[in-house]
Amino acid sequence: MEEDVKITIIDREGVAHEVDAPTDMNMNLMEIVRSYELAPEGTVGICGGMAMCASCQCYVLSDTPLTEMQDDEEAMLAEAFHVEDNSRLGCQIPITKDLEGLKVQLAPEE
């Protein structure tokens, strides 16, 4: 049975979008941003979700529990621009039922 969670994504122009994200399709936050076309094509997920480019960097604005950051994500964020304490790579945030109510803002383009 399909289970969607409501996620709020603030695009790079500051516009908030409440979207339905499916939990049964093995997607991540970067893929949700791309599927809803919330950033110009070719500006998010350039590396295809391998945590190698930081084009999907976002700022987590809610207290929603997320998966723990892995070494490759941490290393990429150490080299990225516009990094804040609440920065995460969207490609490293799998869409699960636990993300209900998640609120993120896309980081500025490099």
PDB file of N, CA and C in Angstrom:
ATOM      1  N   MET A   1       0.832  -1.187   0.000  1.00  0.00           N
ATOM      2  CA  MET A   1       0.000   0.000   0.000  1.00  0.00           C
ATOM      3  C   MET A   1       0.875   1.248   0.000  1.00  0.00           C
ATOM      4  N   GLU A   2       0.497   2.206  -0.818  1.00  0.00           N
ATOM      5  CA  GLU A   2       1.282   3.419  -0.947  1.00  0.00           C
ATOM      6  C   GLU A   2       1.178   4.277   0.312  1.00  0.00           C
ATOM      7  N   GLU A   3       2.318   4.716   0.801  1.00  0.00           N
ATOM      8  CA  GLU A   3       2.390   5.583   1.971  1.00  0.00           C
ATOM      9  C   GLU A   3       3.168   6.829   1.579  1.00  0.00           C
ATOM     10  N   ASP A   4       2.525   7.975   1.612  1.00  0.00           N
ATOM     11  CA  ASP A   4       3.213   9.227   1.337  1.00  0.00           C
ATOM     12  C   ASP A   4       3.420   9.990   2.633  1.00  0.00           C
ATOM     13  N   VAL A   5       4.479  10.797   2.663  1.00  0.00           N
ATOM     14  CA  VAL A   5       4.708  11.708   3.773  1.00  0.00           C
ATOM     15  C   VAL A   5       4.697  13.124   3.210  1.00  0.00           C
ATOM     16  N   LYS A   6       4.249  14.059   4.018  1.00  0.00           N
ATOM     17  CA  LYS A   6       4.252  15.477   3.635  1.00  0.00           C
ATOM     18  C   LYS A   6       5.582  16.087   4.024  1.00  0.00           C
ATOM     19  N   ILE A   7       6.241  16.695   3.052  1.00  0.00           N
ATOM     20  CA  ILE A   7       7.530  17.351   3.256  1.00  0.00           C
ATOM     21  C   ILE A   7       7.422  18.760   2.702  1.00  0.00           C
ATOM     22  N   THR A   8       7.982  19.733   3.416  1.00  0.00           N
ATOM     23  CA  THR A   8       8.025  21.104   2.915  1.00  0.00           C
ATOM     24  C   THR A   8       9.440  21.386   2.428  1.00  0.00           C
ATOM     25  N   ILE A   9       9.532  21.807   1.167  1.00  0.00           N
ATOM     26  CA  ILE A   9      10.819  22.133   0.557  1.00  0.00           C
ATOM     27  C   ILE A   9      10.776  23.587   0.121  1.00  0.00           C
ATOM     28  N   ILE A  10      11.708  24.379   0.653  1.00  0.00           N
ATOM     29  CA  ILE A  10      11.809  25.786   0.258  1.00  0.00           C
ATOM     30  C   ILE A  10      12.843  25.868  -0.857  1.00  0.00           C
ATOM     31  N   ASP A  11      12.407  26.351  -2.026  1.00  0.00           N
ATOM     32  CA  ASP A  11      13.314  26.393  -3.171  1.00  0.00           C
ATOM     33  C   ASP A  11      14.317  27.535  -3.046  1.00  0.00           C
ATOM     34  N   ARG A  12      15.177  27.675  -4.038  1.00  0.00           N
ATOM     35  CA  ARG A  12      16.260  28.675  -3.973  1.00  0.00           C
ATOM     36  C   ARG A  12      15.757  30.109  -4.117  1.00  0.00           C
ATOM     37  N   GLU A  13      14.493  30.276  -4.480  1.00  0.00           N
ATOM     38  CA  GLU A  13      13.890  31.610  -4.542  1.00  0.00           C
ATOM     39  C   GLU A  13      13.136  31.934  -3.245  1.00  0.00           C
ATOM     40  N   GLY A  14      13.122  30.991  -2.291  1.00  0.00           N
ATOM     41  CA  GLY A  14      12.455  31.223  -1.017  1.00  0.00           C
ATOM     42  C   GLY A  14      10.991  30.824  -0.991  1.00  0.00           C
ATOM     43  N   VAL A  15      10.520  30.145  -2.038  1.00  0.00           N
ATOM     44  CA  VAL A  15       9.121  29.705  -2.113  1.00  0.00           C
ATOM     45  C   VAL A  15       8.992  28.320  -1.479  1.00  0.00           C
ATOM     46  N   ALA A  16       8.040  28.191  -0.538  1.00  0.00           N
ATOM     47  CA  ALA A  16       7.807  26.915   0.141  1.00  0.00           C
ATOM     48  C   ALA A  16       6.840  26.059  -0.674  1.00  0.00           C
ATOM     49  N   HIS A  17       7.183  24.776  -0.814  1.00  0.00           N
ATOM     50  CA  HIS A  17       6.342  23.810  -1.525  1.00  0.00           C
ATOM     51  C   HIS A  17       6.078  22.642  -0.585  1.00  0.00           C
ATOM     52  N   GLU A  18       4.795  22.368  -0.291  1.00  0.00           N
ATOM     53  CA  GLU A  18       4.464  21.169   0.479  1.00  0.00           C
ATOM     54  C   GLU A  18       4.193  20.058  -0.526  1.00  0.00           C
ATOM     55  N   VAL A  19       4.992  19.011  -0.455  1.00  0.00           N
ATOM     56  CA  VAL A  19       4.896  17.937  -1.438  1.00  0.00           C
ATOM     57  C   VAL A  19       4.587  16.619  -0.748  1.00  0.00           C
ATOM     58  N   ASP A  20       4.018  15.703  -1.529  1.00  0.00           N
ATOM     59  CA  ASP A  20       3.793  14.336  -1.070  1.00  0.00           C
ATOM     60  C   ASP A  20       4.959  13.497  -1.572  1.00  0.00           C
ATOM     61  N   ALA A  21       5.668  12.863  -0.647  1.00  0.00           N
ATOM     62  CA  ALA A  21       6.819  12.042  -1.000  1.00  0.00           C
ATOM     63  C   ALA A  21       6.495  10.579  -0.719  1.00  0.00           C
ATOM     64  N   PRO A  22       6.579   9.717  -1.736  1.00  0.00           N
ATOM     65  CA  PRO A  22       6.253   8.303  -1.535  1.00  0.00           C
ATOM     66  C   PRO A  22       7.330   7.571  -0.739  1.00  0.00           C
ATOM     67  N   THR A  23       6.900   6.774   0.225  1.00  0.00           N
ATOM     68  CA  THR A  23       7.850   6.008   1.035  1.00  0.00           C
ATOM     69  C   THR A  23       8.079   4.613   0.469  1.00  0.00           C
ATOM     70  N   ASP A  24       7.355   4.255  -0.575  1.00  0.00           N
ATOM     71  CA  ASP A  24       7.422   2.884  -1.102  1.00  0.00           C
ATOM     72  C   ASP A  24       8.164   2.786  -2.438  1.00  0.00           C
ATOM     73  N   MET A  25       8.926   3.825  -2.795  1.00  0.00           N
ATOM     74  CA  MET A  25       9.608   3.814  -4.091  1.00  0.00           C
ATOM     75  C   MET A  25      11.125   3.896  -3.971  1.00  0.00           C
ATOM     76  N   ASN A  26      11.663   3.762  -2.740  1.00  0.00           N
ATOM     77  CA  ASN A  26      13.107   3.791  -2.514  1.00  0.00           C
ATOM     78  C   ASN A  26      13.742   5.070  -3.064  1.00  0.00           C
ATOM     79  N   MET A  27      13.067   6.211  -2.834  1.00  0.00           N
ATOM     80  CA  MET A  27      13.573   7.495  -3.307  1.00  0.00           C
ATOM     81  C   MET A  27      14.297   8.218  -2.174  1.00  0.00           C
ATOM     82  N   ASN A  28      15.057   9.256  -2.563  1.00  0.00           N
ATOM     83  CA  ASN A  28      15.685  10.114  -1.576  1.00  0.00           C
ATOM     84  C   ASN A  28      15.209  11.548  -1.807  1.00  0.00           C
ATOM     85  N   LEU A  29      15.591  12.434  -0.901  1.00  0.00           N
ATOM     86  CA  LEU A  29      15.113  13.812  -0.961  1.00  0.00           C
ATOM     87  C   LEU A  29      15.534  14.510  -2.259  1.00  0.00           C
ATOM     88  N   MET A  30      16.739  14.271  -2.735  1.00  0.00           N
ATOM     89  CA  MET A  30      17.205  14.866  -3.991  1.00  0.00           C
ATOM     90  C   MET A  30      16.283  14.463  -5.144  1.00  0.00           C
ATOM     91  N   GLU A  31      15.885  13.208  -5.185  1.00  0.00           N
ATOM     92  CA  GLU A  31      15.001  12.737  -6.258  1.00  0.00           C
ATOM     93  C   GLU A  31      13.616  13.371  -6.156  1.00  0.00           C
ATOM     94  N   ILE A  32      13.158  13.646  -4.950  1.00  0.00           N
ATOM     95  CA  ILE A  32      11.872  14.335  -4.768  1.00  0.00           C
ATOM     96  C   ILE A  32      11.970  15.753  -5.326  1.00  0.00           C
ATOM     97  N   VAL A  33      13.059  16.458  -4.997  1.00  0.00           N
ATOM     98  CA  VAL A  33      13.270  17.814  -5.520  1.00  0.00           C
ATOM     99  C   VAL A  33      13.259  17.787  -7.047  1.00  0.00           C
ATOM    100  N   ARG A  34      13.921  16.816  -7.636  1.00  0.00           N
ATOM    101  CA  ARG A  34      13.971  16.713  -9.101  1.00  0.00           C
ATOM    102  C   ARG A  34      12.607  16.351  -9.688  1.00  0.00           C
ATOM    103  N   SER A  35      11.903  15.427  -9.055  1.00  0.00           N
ATOM    104  CA  SER A  35      10.626  14.987  -9.624  1.00  0.00           C
ATOM    105  C   SER A  35       9.566  16.084  -9.579  1.00  0.00           C
ATOM    106  N   TYR A  36       9.647  16.958  -8.578  1.00  0.00           N
ATOM    107  CA  TYR A  36       8.711  18.085  -8.499  1.00  0.00           C
ATOM    108  C   TYR A  36       9.252  19.335  -9.202  1.00  0.00           C
ATOM    109  N   GLU A  37      10.444  19.212  -9.803  1.00  0.00           N
ATOM    110  CA  GLU A  37      11.082  20.307 -10.536  1.00  0.00           C
ATOM    111  C   GLU A  37      11.179  21.573  -9.687  1.00  0.00           C
ATOM    112  N   LEU A  38      11.711  21.424  -8.475  1.00  0.00           N
ATOM    113  CA  LEU A  38      11.828  22.538  -7.543  1.00  0.00           C
ATOM    114  C   LEU A  38      13.149  23.288  -7.690  1.00  0.00           C
ATOM    115  N   ALA A  39      13.972  22.880  -8.630  1.00  0.00           N
ATOM    116  CA  ALA A  39      15.212  23.580  -8.966  1.00  0.00           C
ATOM    117  C   ALA A  39      15.417  23.410 -10.475  1.00  0.00           C
ATOM    118  N   PRO A  40      16.059  24.379 -11.122  1.00  0.00           N
ATOM    119  CA  PRO A  40      16.284  24.254 -12.559  1.00  0.00           C
ATOM    120  C   PRO A  40      16.991  22.941 -12.906  1.00  0.00           C
ATOM    121  N   GLU A  41      16.590  22.337 -14.023  1.00  0.00           N
ATOM    122  CA  GLU A  41      17.182  21.068 -14.442  1.00  0.00           C
ATOM    123  C   GLU A  41      18.693  21.212 -14.570  1.00  0.00           C
ATOM    124  N   GLY A  42      19.406  20.200 -14.096  1.00  0.00           N
ATOM    125  CA  GLY A  42      20.858  20.209 -14.174  1.00  0.00           C
ATOM    126  C   GLY A  42      21.538  20.927 -13.020  1.00  0.00           C
ATOM    127  N   THR A  43      20.757  21.381 -12.013  1.00  0.00           N
ATOM    128  CA  THR A  43      21.371  22.086 -10.885  1.00  0.00           C
ATOM    129  C   THR A  43      21.290  21.297  -9.582  1.00  0.00           C
ATOM    130  N   VAL A  44      20.575  20.184  -9.574  1.00  0.00           N
ATOM    131  CA  VAL A  44      20.440  19.345  -8.375  1.00  0.00           C
ATOM    132  C   VAL A  44      20.695  17.896  -8.779  1.00  0.00           C
ATOM    133  N   GLY A  45      21.533  17.230  -8.011  1.00  0.00           N
ATOM    134  CA  GLY A  45      21.800  15.817  -8.290  1.00  0.00           C
ATOM    135  C   GLY A  45      22.718  15.597  -9.467  1.00  0.00           C
ATOM    136  N   ILE A  46      23.664  16.474  -9.657  1.00  0.00           N
ATOM    137  CA  ILE A  46      24.570  16.400 -10.799  1.00  0.00           C
ATOM    138  C   ILE A  46      25.346  15.081 -10.823  1.00  0.00           C
ATOM    139  N   CYS A  47      25.755  14.597  -9.647  1.00  0.00           N
ATOM    140  CA  CYS A  47      26.531  13.354  -9.586  1.00  0.00           C
ATOM    141  C   CYS A  47      25.639  12.111  -9.579  1.00  0.00           C
ATOM    142  N   GLY A  48      24.325  12.309  -9.627  1.00  0.00           N
ATOM    143  CA  GLY A  48      23.411  11.178  -9.650  1.00  0.00           C
ATOM    144  C   GLY A  48      23.124  10.587  -8.285  1.00  0.00           C
ATOM    145  N   GLY A  49      23.435  11.321  -7.240  1.00  0.00           N
ATOM    146  CA  GLY A  49      23.114  10.846  -5.903  1.00  0.00           C
ATOM    147  C   GLY A  49      24.207  10.040  -5.236  1.00  0.00           C
ATOM    148  N   MET A  50      25.452  10.281  -5.626  1.00  0.00           N
ATOM    149  CA  MET A  50      26.582   9.527  -5.081  1.00  0.00           C
ATOM    150  C   MET A  50      27.336  10.268  -3.976  1.00  0.00           C
ATOM    151  N   ALA A  51      26.788  11.385  -3.491  1.00  0.00           N
ATOM    152  CA  ALA A  51      27.428  12.215  -2.457  1.00  0.00           C
ATOM    153  C   ALA A  51      28.792  12.722  -2.923  1.00  0.00           C
ATOM    154  N   MET A  52      28.858  13.120  -4.206  1.00  0.00           N
ATOM    155  CA  MET A  52      30.131  13.557  -4.766  1.00  0.00           C
ATOM    156  C   MET A  52      30.109  14.983  -5.316  1.00  0.00           C
ATOM    157  N   CYS A  53      28.988  15.715  -5.157  1.00  0.00           N
ATOM    158  CA  CYS A  53      28.966  17.049  -5.761  1.00  0.00           C
ATOM    159  C   CYS A  53      28.338  18.133  -4.892  1.00  0.00           C
ATOM    160  N   ALA A  54      27.552  17.806  -3.920  1.00  0.00           N
ATOM    161  CA  ALA A  54      26.877  18.758  -3.022  1.00  0.00           C
ATOM    162  C   ALA A  54      25.865  19.651  -3.721  1.00  0.00           C
ATOM    163  N   SER A  55      25.470  19.334  -4.961  1.00  0.00           N
ATOM    164  CA  SER A  55      24.458  20.155  -5.641  1.00  0.00           C
ATOM    165  C   SER A  55      23.078  20.003  -5.009  1.00  0.00           C
ATOM    166  N   CYS A  56      22.881  18.960  -4.209  1.00  0.00           N
ATOM    167  CA  CYS A  56      21.592  18.734  -3.551  1.00  0.00           C
ATOM    168  C   CYS A  56      21.626  19.144  -2.076  1.00  0.00           C
ATOM    169  N   GLN A  57      22.642  19.915  -1.694  1.00  0.00           N
ATOM    170  CA  GLN A  57      22.746  20.340  -0.297  1.00  0.00           C
ATOM    171  C   GLN A  57      21.495  21.106   0.120  1.00  0.00           C
ATOM    172  N   CYS A  58      21.036  20.805   1.310  1.00  0.00           N
ATOM    173  CA  CYS A  58      19.879  21.515   1.850  1.00  0.00           C
ATOM    174  C   CYS A  58      20.103  21.753   3.335  1.00  0.00           C
ATOM    175  N   TYR A  59      19.311  22.672   3.871  1.00  0.00           N
ATOM    176  CA  TYR A  59      19.351  22.989   5.292  1.00  0.00           C
ATOM    177  C   TYR A  59      18.117  22.393   5.941  1.00  0.00           C
ATOM    178  N   VAL A  60      18.302  21.586   6.968  1.00  0.00           N
ATOM    179  CA  VAL A  60      17.194  20.949   7.671  1.00  0.00           C
ATOM    180  C   VAL A  60      16.659  21.948   8.690  1.00  0.00           C
ATOM    181  N   LEU A  61      15.383  22.330   8.527  1.00  0.00           N
ATOM    182  CA  LEU A  61      14.779  23.365   9.365  1.00  0.00           C
ATOM    183  C   LEU A  61      13.861  22.800  10.456  1.00  0.00           C
ATOM    184  N   SER A  62      13.580  21.516  10.421  1.00  0.00           N
ATOM    185  CA  SER A  62      12.688  20.900  11.406  1.00  0.00           C
ATOM    186  C   SER A  62      13.493  19.947  12.287  1.00  0.00           C
ATOM    187  N   ASP A  63      12.870  19.491  13.361  1.00  0.00           N
ATOM    188  CA  ASP A  63      13.519  18.544  14.275  1.00  0.00           C
ATOM    189  C   ASP A  63      13.268  17.091  13.873  1.00  0.00           C
ATOM    190  N   THR A  64      12.934  16.867  12.630  1.00  0.00           N
ATOM    191  CA  THR A  64      12.623  15.534  12.130  1.00  0.00           C
ATOM    192  C   THR A  64      13.859  14.638  12.252  1.00  0.00           C
ATOM    193  N   PRO A  65      13.720  13.436  12.816  1.00  0.00           N
ATOM    194  CA  PRO A  65      14.881  12.540  12.925  1.00  0.00           C
ATOM    195  C   PRO A  65      15.318  12.050  11.545  1.00  0.00           C
ATOM    196  N   LEU A  66      16.609  12.161  11.283  1.00  0.00           N
ATOM    197  CA  LEU A  66      17.159  11.739   9.989  1.00  0.00           C
ATOM    198  C   LEU A  66      18.144  10.596  10.191  1.00  0.00           C
ATOM    199  N   THR A  67      18.444   9.905   9.102  1.00  0.00           N
ATOM    200  CA  THR A  67      19.480   8.879   9.162  1.00  0.00           C
ATOM    201  C   THR A  67      20.807   9.558   9.498  1.00  0.00           C
ATOM    202  N   GLU A  68      21.679   8.834  10.154  1.00  0.00           N
ATOM    203  CA  GLU A  68      22.968   9.378  10.555  1.00  0.00           C
ATOM    204  C   GLU A  68      23.831   9.688   9.330  1.00  0.00           C
ATOM    205  N   MET A  69      24.577  10.774   9.416  1.00  0.00           N
ATOM    206  CA  MET A  69      25.444  11.161   8.316  1.00  0.00           C
ATOM    207  C   MET A  69      26.609  10.173   8.204  1.00  0.00           C
ATOM    208  N   GLN A  70      26.855   9.709   6.987  1.00  0.00           N
ATOM    209  CA  GLN A  70      27.961   8.783   6.740  1.00  0.00           C
ATOM    210  C   GLN A  70      29.220   9.565   6.364  1.00  0.00           C
ATOM    211  N   ASP A  71      30.362   8.880   6.351  1.00  0.00           N
ATOM    212  CA  ASP A  71      31.652   9.521   6.097  1.00  0.00           C
ATOM    213  C   ASP A  71      31.719  10.243   4.753  1.00  0.00           C
ATOM    214  N   ASP A  72      31.153   9.630   3.695  1.00  0.00           N
ATOM    215  CA  ASP A  72      31.245  10.260   2.370  1.00  0.00           C
ATOM    216  C   ASP A  72      30.441  11.559   2.316  1.00  0.00           C
ATOM    217  N   GLU A  73      29.296  11.597   2.985  1.00  0.00           N
ATOM    218  CA  GLU A  73      28.508  12.829   3.031  1.00  0.00           C
ATOM    219  C   GLU A  73      29.250  13.896   3.831  1.00  0.00           C
ATOM    220  N   GLU A  74      29.812  13.505   4.948  1.00  0.00           N
ATOM    221  CA  GLU A  74      30.562  14.441   5.779  1.00  0.00           C
ATOM    222  C   GLU A  74      31.756  15.019   5.019  1.00  0.00           C
ATOM    223  N   ALA A  75      32.456  14.170   4.279  1.00  0.00           N
ATOM    224  CA  ALA A  75      33.619  14.613   3.507  1.00  0.00           C
ATOM    225  C   ALA A  75      33.207  15.591   2.406  1.00  0.00           C
ATOM    226  N   MET A  76      32.087  15.311   1.747  1.00  0.00           N
ATOM    227  CA  MET A  76      31.632  16.201   0.670  1.00  0.00           C
ATOM    228  C   MET A  76      31.227  17.551   1.245  1.00  0.00           C
ATOM    229  N   LEU A  77      30.514  17.548   2.358  1.00  0.00           N
ATOM    230  CA  LEU A  77      30.097  18.814   2.974  1.00  0.00           C
ATOM    231  C   LEU A  77      31.300  19.611   3.475  1.00  0.00           C
ATOM    232  N   ALA A  78      32.382  18.939   3.838  1.00  0.00           N
ATOM    233  CA  ALA A  78      33.586  19.631   4.297  1.00  0.00           C
ATOM    234  C   ALA A  78      34.210  20.451   3.172  1.00  0.00           C
ATOM    235  N   GLU A  79      33.923  20.087   1.919  1.00  0.00           N
ATOM    236  CA  GLU A  79      34.488  20.783   0.763  1.00  0.00           C
ATOM    237  C   GLU A  79      33.488  21.694   0.066  1.00  0.00           C
ATOM    238  N   ALA A  80      32.239  21.654   0.472  1.00  0.00           N
ATOM    239  CA  ALA A  80      31.180  22.387  -0.234  1.00  0.00           C
ATOM    240  C   ALA A  80      31.118  23.850   0.201  1.00  0.00           C
ATOM    241  N   PHE A  81      30.415  24.652  -0.583  1.00  0.00           N
ATOM    242  CA  PHE A  81      30.168  26.053  -0.269  1.00  0.00           C
ATOM    243  C   PHE A  81      28.849  26.179   0.493  1.00  0.00           C
ATOM    244  N   HIS A  82      28.659  27.280   1.202  1.00  0.00           N
ATOM    245  CA  HIS A  82      27.399  27.613   1.879  1.00  0.00           C
ATOM    246  C   HIS A  82      26.990  26.580   2.927  1.00  0.00           C
ATOM    247  N   VAL A  83      27.942  25.870   3.520  1.00  0.00           N
ATOM    248  CA  VAL A  83      27.629  24.826   4.503  1.00  0.00           C
ATOM    249  C   VAL A  83      27.291  25.463   5.855  1.00  0.00           C
ATOM    250  N   GLU A  84      26.219  24.975   6.458  1.00  0.00           N
ATOM    251  CA  GLU A  84      25.777  25.414   7.790  1.00  0.00           C
ATOM    252  C   GLU A  84      25.747  24.192   8.706  1.00  0.00           C
ATOM    253  N   ASP A  85      25.523  24.417   9.998  1.00  0.00           N
ATOM    254  CA  ASP A  85      25.459  23.312  10.954  1.00  0.00           C
ATOM    255  C   ASP A  85      24.338  22.324  10.635  1.00  0.00           C
ATOM    256  N   ASN A  86      23.280  22.806   9.961  1.00  0.00           N
ATOM    257  CA  ASN A  86      22.136  21.945   9.641  1.00  0.00           C
ATOM    258  C   ASN A  86      22.155  21.469   8.194  1.00  0.00           C
ATOM    259  N   SER A  87      23.312  21.538   7.538  1.00  0.00           N
ATOM    260  CA  SER A  87      23.421  21.087   6.148  1.00  0.00           C
ATOM    261  C   SER A  87      23.408  19.568   6.051  1.00  0.00           C
ATOM    262  N   ARG A  88      22.717  19.085   5.035  1.00  0.00           N
ATOM    263  CA  ARG A  88      22.731  17.665   4.662  1.00  0.00           C
ATOM    264  C   ARG A  88      22.673  17.592   3.149  1.00  0.00           C
ATOM    265  N   LEU A  89      23.085  16.459   2.605  1.00  0.00           N
ATOM    266  CA  LEU A  89      22.921  16.206   1.175  1.00  0.00           C
ATOM    267  C   LEU A  89      21.595  15.486   0.973  1.00  0.00           C
ATOM    268  N   GLY A  90      20.751  16.042   0.133  1.00  0.00           N
ATOM    269  CA  GLY A  90      19.442  15.449  -0.114  1.00  0.00           C
ATOM    270  C   GLY A  90      19.511  14.020  -0.621  1.00  0.00           C
ATOM    271  N   CYS A  91      20.563  13.703  -1.378  1.00  0.00           N
ATOM    272  CA  CYS A  91      20.694  12.345  -1.923  1.00  0.00           C
ATOM    273  C   CYS A  91      20.969  11.312  -0.832  1.00  0.00           C
ATOM    274  N   GLN A  92      21.343  11.773   0.354  1.00  0.00           N
ATOM    275  CA  GLN A  92      21.662  10.863   1.456  1.00  0.00           C
ATOM    276  C   GLN A  92      20.534  10.783   2.489  1.00  0.00           C
ATOM    277  N   ILE A  93      19.363  11.345   2.148  1.00  0.00           N
ATOM    278  CA  ILE A  93      18.206  11.290   3.044  1.00  0.00           C
ATOM    279  C   ILE A  93      17.125  10.438   2.384  1.00  0.00           C
ATOM    280  N   PRO A  94      17.057   9.155   2.740  1.00  0.00           N
ATOM    281  CA  PRO A  94      16.027   8.295   2.152  1.00  0.00           C
ATOM    282  C   PRO A  94      14.636   8.703   2.650  1.00  0.00           C
ATOM    283  N   ILE A  95      13.660   8.599   1.758  1.00  0.00           N
ATOM    284  CA  ILE A  95      12.284   8.944   2.102  1.00  0.00           C
ATOM    285  C   ILE A  95      11.662   7.772   2.868  1.00  0.00           C
ATOM    286  N   THR A  96      11.374   8.022   4.148  1.00  0.00           N
ATOM    287  CA  THR A  96      10.753   7.009   5.006  1.00  0.00           C
ATOM    288  C   THR A  96       9.566   7.648   5.731  1.00  0.00           C
ATOM    289  N   LYS A  97       8.775   6.814   6.377  1.00  0.00           N
ATOM    290  CA  LYS A  97       7.621   7.314   7.137  1.00  0.00           C
ATOM    291  C   LYS A  97       8.047   8.287   8.228  1.00  0.00           C
ATOM    292  N   ASP A  98       9.283   8.139   8.732  1.00  0.00           N
ATOM    293  CA  ASP A  98       9.787   9.011   9.801  1.00  0.00           C
ATOM    294  C   ASP A  98       9.955  10.460   9.359  1.00  0.00           C
ATOM    295  N   LEU A  99       9.941  10.715   8.044  1.00  0.00           N
ATOM    296  CA  LEU A  99      10.167  12.076   7.540  1.00  0.00           C
ATOM    297  C   LEU A  99       8.899  12.921   7.495  1.00  0.00           C
ATOM    298  N   GLU A 100       7.775  12.405   7.957  1.00  0.00           N
ATOM    299  CA  GLU A 100       6.540  13.192   7.981  1.00  0.00           C
ATOM    300  C   GLU A 100       6.798  14.530   8.665  1.00  0.00           C
ATOM    301  N   GLY A 101       6.482  15.631   7.966  1.00  0.00           N
ATOM    302  CA  GLY A 101       6.650  16.960   8.526  1.00  0.00           C
ATOM    303  C   GLY A 101       8.032  17.569   8.330  1.00  0.00           C
ATOM    304  N   LEU A 102       8.937  16.859   7.650  1.00  0.00           N
ATOM    305  CA  LEU A 102      10.275  17.392   7.397  1.00  0.00           C
ATOM    306  C   LEU A 102      10.182  18.728   6.660  1.00  0.00           C
ATOM    307  N   LYS A 103      11.027  19.665   7.057  1.00  0.00           N
ATOM    308  CA  LYS A 103      11.088  20.957   6.390  1.00  0.00           C
ATOM    309  C   LYS A 103      12.548  21.260   6.071  1.00  0.00           C
ATOM    310  N   VAL A 104      12.827  21.492   4.791  1.00  0.00           N
ATOM    311  CA  VAL A 104      14.201  21.778   4.363  1.00  0.00           C
ATOM    312  C   VAL A 104      14.199  22.982   3.425  1.00  0.00           C
ATOM    313  N   GLN A 105      15.353  23.603   3.321  1.00  0.00           N
ATOM    314  CA  GLN A 105      15.550  24.684   2.364  1.00  0.00           C
ATOM    315  C   GLN A 105      16.747  24.322   1.499  1.00  0.00           C
ATOM    316  N   LEU A 106      16.601  24.467   0.186  1.00  0.00           N
ATOM    317  CA  LEU A 106      17.702  24.186  -0.719  1.00  0.00           C
ATOM    318  C   LEU A 106      18.803  25.227  -0.524  1.00  0.00           C
ATOM    319  N   ALA A 107      20.041  24.753  -0.472  1.00  0.00           N
ATOM    320  CA  ALA A 107      21.176  25.665  -0.344  1.00  0.00           C
ATOM    321  C   ALA A 107      21.359  26.407  -1.664  1.00  0.00           C
ATOM    322  N   PRO A 108      21.991  27.588  -1.618  1.00  0.00           N
ATOM    323  CA  PRO A 108      22.230  28.325  -2.861  1.00  0.00           C
ATOM    324  C   PRO A 108      23.047  27.485  -3.840  1.00  0.00           C
ATOM    325  N   GLU A 109      22.858  27.733  -5.120  1.00  0.00           N
ATOM    326  CA  GLU A 109      23.616  27.028  -6.139  1.00  0.00           C
ATOM    327  C   GLU A 109      25.081  27.428  -6.010  1.00  0.00           C
ATOM    328  N   GLU A 110      25.976  26.498  -6.291  1.00  0.00           N
ATOM    329  CA  GLU A 110      27.428  26.770  -6.137  1.00  0.00           C
ATOM    330  C   GLU A 110      27.853  27.989  -6.922  1.00  0.00           C
TER     331      GLU A 110
END
